[in-house]
Structure formats: structure tokens, C-alpha cells
N, C-alpha and C. Protein backbone atom coordinates (compact mmCIF):
# COMPACT_ATOMS: atom_id res chain seq x y z
N UNK A 1 -14.54 29.40 -16.83
CA UNK A 1 -15.17 28.63 -17.89
C UNK A 1 -14.38 27.35 -18.17
N UNK A 2 -13.04 27.46 -18.22
CA UNK A 2 -12.22 26.28 -18.48
C UNK A 2 -12.34 25.27 -17.36
N UNK A 3 -12.46 25.75 -16.12
CA UNK A 3 -12.58 24.82 -15.01
C UNK A 3 -13.93 24.10 -15.05
N UNK A 4 -14.96 24.75 -15.56
CA UNK A 4 -16.26 24.09 -15.69
C UNK A 4 -16.19 22.95 -16.70
N UNK A 5 -15.46 23.15 -17.77
CA UNK A 5 -15.28 22.10 -18.77
C UNK A 5 -14.47 20.95 -18.17
N UNK A 6 -13.44 21.28 -17.41
CA UNK A 6 -12.62 20.26 -16.76
C UNK A 6 -13.46 19.43 -15.78
N UNK A 7 -14.32 20.10 -15.00
CA UNK A 7 -15.19 19.39 -14.05
C UNK A 7 -16.16 18.49 -14.81
N UNK A 8 -16.67 18.97 -15.95
CA UNK A 8 -17.58 18.14 -16.75
C UNK A 8 -16.88 16.88 -17.25
N UNK A 9 -15.64 17.02 -17.69
CA UNK A 9 -14.87 15.86 -18.17
C UNK A 9 -14.60 14.89 -17.01
N UNK A 10 -14.27 15.44 -15.84
CA UNK A 10 -14.04 14.60 -14.66
C UNK A 10 -15.31 13.86 -14.28
N UNK A 11 -16.45 14.55 -14.35
CA UNK A 11 -17.73 13.92 -14.02
C UNK A 11 -18.08 12.79 -14.98
N UNK A 12 -17.58 12.84 -16.19
CA UNK A 12 -17.78 11.76 -17.15
C UNK A 12 -16.86 10.59 -16.82
N UNK A 13 -15.66 10.88 -16.36
CA UNK A 13 -14.66 9.84 -16.10
C UNK A 13 -14.93 9.06 -14.81
N UNK A 14 -15.54 9.69 -13.82
CA UNK A 14 -15.77 9.06 -12.51
C UNK A 14 -16.60 7.77 -12.63
N UNK A 15 -17.73 7.77 -13.34
CA UNK A 15 -18.47 6.49 -13.47
C UNK A 15 -17.68 5.40 -14.19
N UNK A 16 -16.83 5.79 -15.12
CA UNK A 16 -15.99 4.81 -15.82
C UNK A 16 -15.04 4.12 -14.85
N UNK A 17 -14.41 4.88 -13.98
CA UNK A 17 -13.47 4.32 -13.00
C UNK A 17 -14.24 3.50 -11.96
N UNK A 18 -15.42 3.96 -11.56
CA UNK A 18 -16.24 3.15 -10.65
C UNK A 18 -16.57 1.80 -11.27
N UNK A 19 -16.83 1.80 -12.57
CA UNK A 19 -17.09 0.55 -13.28
C UNK A 19 -15.89 -0.38 -13.25
N UNK A 20 -14.68 0.18 -13.35
CA UNK A 20 -13.48 -0.64 -13.27
C UNK A 20 -13.36 -1.30 -11.89
N UNK A 21 -13.69 -0.54 -10.85
CA UNK A 21 -13.64 -1.09 -9.49
C UNK A 21 -14.68 -2.20 -9.33
N UNK A 22 -15.87 -1.98 -9.86
CA UNK A 22 -16.92 -3.00 -9.79
C UNK A 22 -16.48 -4.26 -10.53
N UNK A 23 -15.81 -4.10 -11.67
CA UNK A 23 -15.31 -5.25 -12.42
C UNK A 23 -14.32 -6.07 -11.60
N UNK A 24 -13.42 -5.39 -10.90
CA UNK A 24 -12.42 -6.09 -10.08
C UNK A 24 -13.11 -6.84 -8.94
N UNK A 25 -14.07 -6.17 -8.28
CA UNK A 25 -14.78 -6.80 -7.16
C UNK A 25 -15.58 -8.00 -7.66
N UNK A 26 -16.27 -7.84 -8.78
CA UNK A 26 -17.06 -8.94 -9.34
C UNK A 26 -16.18 -10.11 -9.72
N UNK A 27 -15.05 -9.83 -10.35
CA UNK A 27 -14.12 -10.90 -10.71
C UNK A 27 -13.63 -11.64 -9.48
N UNK A 28 -13.34 -10.90 -8.42
CA UNK A 28 -12.88 -11.51 -7.17
C UNK A 28 -13.95 -12.41 -6.58
N UNK A 29 -15.19 -11.93 -6.57
CA UNK A 29 -16.28 -12.72 -6.00
C UNK A 29 -16.51 -13.99 -6.82
N UNK A 30 -16.51 -13.87 -8.13
CA UNK A 30 -16.75 -15.03 -8.99
C UNK A 30 -15.58 -16.02 -8.93
N UNK A 31 -14.36 -15.51 -8.80
CA UNK A 31 -13.19 -16.38 -8.74
C UNK A 31 -13.10 -17.10 -7.40
N UNK A 32 -13.61 -16.50 -6.37
CA UNK A 32 -13.50 -17.08 -5.03
C UNK A 32 -14.33 -18.36 -4.91
N UNK A 33 -15.60 -18.31 -5.27
CA UNK A 33 -16.48 -19.48 -5.22
C UNK A 33 -16.35 -20.27 -3.92
N UNK A 34 -16.20 -19.56 -2.81
CA UNK A 34 -16.10 -20.24 -1.52
C UNK A 34 -14.72 -20.80 -1.22
N UNK A 35 -13.74 -20.52 -2.10
CA UNK A 35 -12.39 -21.03 -1.89
C UNK A 35 -11.65 -20.08 -0.95
N UNK A 36 -11.26 -20.55 0.22
CA UNK A 36 -10.59 -19.71 1.21
C UNK A 36 -9.14 -19.42 0.87
N UNK A 37 -8.57 -20.13 -0.10
CA UNK A 37 -7.17 -19.90 -0.49
C UNK A 37 -6.98 -18.48 -0.97
N UNK A 38 -7.93 -17.97 -1.76
CA UNK A 38 -7.82 -16.61 -2.27
C UNK A 38 -7.82 -15.58 -1.14
N UNK A 39 -8.62 -15.84 -0.09
CA UNK A 39 -8.68 -14.93 1.04
C UNK A 39 -7.34 -14.89 1.77
N UNK A 40 -6.67 -16.02 1.91
CA UNK A 40 -5.37 -16.07 2.57
C UNK A 40 -4.35 -15.26 1.78
N UNK A 41 -4.36 -15.40 0.48
CA UNK A 41 -3.41 -14.68 -0.37
C UNK A 41 -3.68 -13.18 -0.29
N UNK A 42 -4.97 -12.79 -0.35
CA UNK A 42 -5.32 -11.38 -0.35
C UNK A 42 -4.99 -10.72 0.98
N UNK A 43 -5.01 -11.47 2.07
CA UNK A 43 -4.77 -10.88 3.38
C UNK A 43 -3.29 -10.73 3.72
N UNK A 44 -2.41 -11.14 2.82
CA UNK A 44 -0.98 -11.02 3.09
C UNK A 44 -0.49 -9.58 3.03
N UNK A 45 -1.26 -8.69 2.46
CA UNK A 45 -0.94 -7.27 2.47
C UNK A 45 0.05 -6.87 1.41
N UNK A 46 0.44 -5.58 1.45
CA UNK A 46 1.29 -5.02 0.40
C UNK A 46 2.67 -5.64 0.31
N UNK A 47 3.16 -6.21 1.39
CA UNK A 47 4.51 -6.78 1.38
C UNK A 47 4.57 -8.19 0.83
N UNK A 48 3.44 -8.77 0.50
CA UNK A 48 3.41 -10.17 0.03
C UNK A 48 3.95 -10.27 -1.39
N UNK A 49 4.98 -11.07 -1.55
CA UNK A 49 5.54 -11.27 -2.89
C UNK A 49 5.59 -12.73 -3.27
N UNK A 50 5.28 -13.60 -2.34
CA UNK A 50 5.39 -15.03 -2.61
C UNK A 50 4.18 -15.52 -3.40
N UNK A 51 4.39 -16.60 -4.09
CA UNK A 51 3.30 -17.25 -4.81
C UNK A 51 2.76 -18.37 -3.92
N UNK A 52 1.47 -18.29 -3.61
CA UNK A 52 0.84 -19.28 -2.76
C UNK A 52 -0.24 -19.96 -3.58
N UNK A 53 -0.21 -21.26 -3.64
CA UNK A 53 -1.20 -22.05 -4.37
C UNK A 53 -1.34 -21.62 -5.83
N UNK A 54 -0.26 -21.22 -6.44
CA UNK A 54 -0.28 -20.89 -7.86
C UNK A 54 -0.82 -19.51 -8.20
N UNK A 55 -1.11 -18.67 -7.21
CA UNK A 55 -1.63 -17.33 -7.48
C UNK A 55 -0.54 -16.33 -7.15
N UNK A 56 -0.17 -15.54 -8.15
CA UNK A 56 0.92 -14.58 -7.94
C UNK A 56 0.39 -13.28 -7.33
N UNK A 57 1.28 -12.45 -6.89
CA UNK A 57 0.94 -11.16 -6.28
C UNK A 57 0.12 -10.30 -7.22
N UNK A 58 0.42 -10.37 -8.52
CA UNK A 58 -0.29 -9.52 -9.48
C UNK A 58 -1.75 -9.91 -9.63
N UNK A 59 -2.15 -11.05 -9.09
CA UNK A 59 -3.53 -11.49 -9.19
C UNK A 59 -4.31 -11.26 -7.90
N UNK A 60 -3.71 -10.67 -6.87
CA UNK A 60 -4.42 -10.45 -5.62
C UNK A 60 -5.38 -9.29 -5.76
N UNK A 61 -6.40 -9.31 -4.94
CA UNK A 61 -7.45 -8.29 -4.99
C UNK A 61 -6.89 -6.89 -4.76
N UNK A 62 -6.05 -6.75 -3.74
CA UNK A 62 -5.52 -5.42 -3.42
C UNK A 62 -4.71 -4.85 -4.58
N UNK A 63 -3.93 -5.68 -5.22
CA UNK A 63 -3.12 -5.22 -6.35
C UNK A 63 -4.01 -4.78 -7.50
N UNK A 64 -5.05 -5.54 -7.78
CA UNK A 64 -5.91 -5.23 -8.91
C UNK A 64 -6.80 -4.02 -8.67
N UNK A 65 -7.21 -3.79 -7.44
CA UNK A 65 -8.12 -2.68 -7.16
C UNK A 65 -7.38 -1.38 -6.86
N UNK A 66 -6.10 -1.47 -6.57
CA UNK A 66 -5.32 -0.28 -6.17
C UNK A 66 -5.31 0.79 -7.26
N UNK A 67 -5.05 0.42 -8.50
CA UNK A 67 -4.97 1.39 -9.59
C UNK A 67 -6.26 2.17 -9.78
N UNK A 68 -7.39 1.49 -9.99
CA UNK A 68 -8.64 2.23 -10.15
C UNK A 68 -9.04 3.04 -8.91
N UNK A 69 -8.75 2.50 -7.72
CA UNK A 69 -9.11 3.23 -6.50
C UNK A 69 -8.31 4.52 -6.36
N UNK A 70 -7.02 4.46 -6.65
CA UNK A 70 -6.21 5.68 -6.58
C UNK A 70 -6.61 6.68 -7.66
N UNK A 71 -6.96 6.18 -8.83
CA UNK A 71 -7.43 7.06 -9.90
C UNK A 71 -8.73 7.74 -9.50
N UNK A 72 -9.65 6.99 -8.87
CA UNK A 72 -10.91 7.56 -8.43
C UNK A 72 -10.68 8.63 -7.37
N UNK A 73 -9.80 8.36 -6.43
CA UNK A 73 -9.48 9.33 -5.39
C UNK A 73 -8.90 10.60 -6.00
N UNK A 74 -7.99 10.45 -6.95
CA UNK A 74 -7.39 11.63 -7.58
C UNK A 74 -8.42 12.40 -8.41
N UNK A 75 -9.36 11.70 -9.04
CA UNK A 75 -10.42 12.39 -9.79
C UNK A 75 -11.31 13.21 -8.86
N UNK A 76 -11.65 12.63 -7.71
CA UNK A 76 -12.47 13.38 -6.75
C UNK A 76 -11.72 14.60 -6.21
N UNK A 77 -10.44 14.46 -5.92
CA UNK A 77 -9.66 15.61 -5.44
C UNK A 77 -9.55 16.68 -6.52
N UNK A 78 -9.33 16.27 -7.76
CA UNK A 78 -9.26 17.21 -8.87
C UNK A 78 -10.60 17.90 -9.07
N UNK A 79 -11.67 17.17 -8.89
CA UNK A 79 -13.00 17.75 -9.01
C UNK A 79 -13.23 18.83 -7.96
N UNK A 80 -12.80 18.56 -6.74
CA UNK A 80 -12.93 19.55 -5.66
C UNK A 80 -12.13 20.80 -5.98
N UNK A 81 -10.91 20.63 -6.43
CA UNK A 81 -10.05 21.76 -6.76
C UNK A 81 -10.66 22.59 -7.90
N UNK A 82 -11.07 21.92 -8.95
CA UNK A 82 -11.59 22.62 -10.12
C UNK A 82 -12.93 23.30 -9.80
N UNK A 83 -13.74 22.69 -8.95
CA UNK A 83 -15.01 23.31 -8.56
C UNK A 83 -14.77 24.54 -7.72
N UNK A 84 -13.78 24.48 -6.82
CA UNK A 84 -13.51 25.66 -5.98
C UNK A 84 -12.89 26.78 -6.81
N UNK A 85 -12.10 26.46 -7.82
CA UNK A 85 -11.53 27.48 -8.71
C UNK A 85 -12.65 28.13 -9.52
N UNK A 86 -13.63 27.35 -9.90
CA UNK A 86 -14.74 27.84 -10.69
C UNK A 86 -15.57 28.84 -9.91
N UNK A 87 -15.63 28.72 -8.59
CA UNK A 87 -16.44 29.60 -7.75
C UNK A 87 -15.73 30.89 -7.41
N UNK A 88 -14.43 30.96 -7.61
CA UNK A 88 -13.69 32.18 -7.26
C UNK A 88 -13.92 33.30 -8.21
């Protein structure tokens, strides 16, 4: 019974986190406006720490989407665990 409640709470949280990811993607698309500078900064990968054209690492797409994406992944894994416990 407790795992069913936990799964219900997780099912409520998943769309919220998906919304956060959509917000990051939308912000990236609107900020880009055909400017290739943002693409160069975003493609530098996790090791990029330099500031290029006035955009810091904390403003790159990968940095901004990482938190919500990891949270979504953990919610899905928790949902699988709690659902399988509920069936036992």
C-alpha cells in the first residue's frame, strides 16, 4: 500500500520535471536565434570551463539540462523499483 502511494507521488512529479526540461530547451532555442556562438560553447562538453563570447559554463545547455534530466532518470528508476515492490 505504501509503495502504491509512493508511485502515485512519483507519477505526479514526473510531468513537473519534464516541464523543467522543456523550459531549458525552449530557453536555449529562443536564446540561440540562429547565433552559432552558443552552439560552439555548448559543444565544448563537460570539461569546458572557459568563458567564450561572454557566456559562462553555468549558462551552457548541458549544464542547465543536466539537473532535471538526472532527476527524471532517478524518478523513473524509483518508479520501477516501487512498482515491482508493489507487485510482490
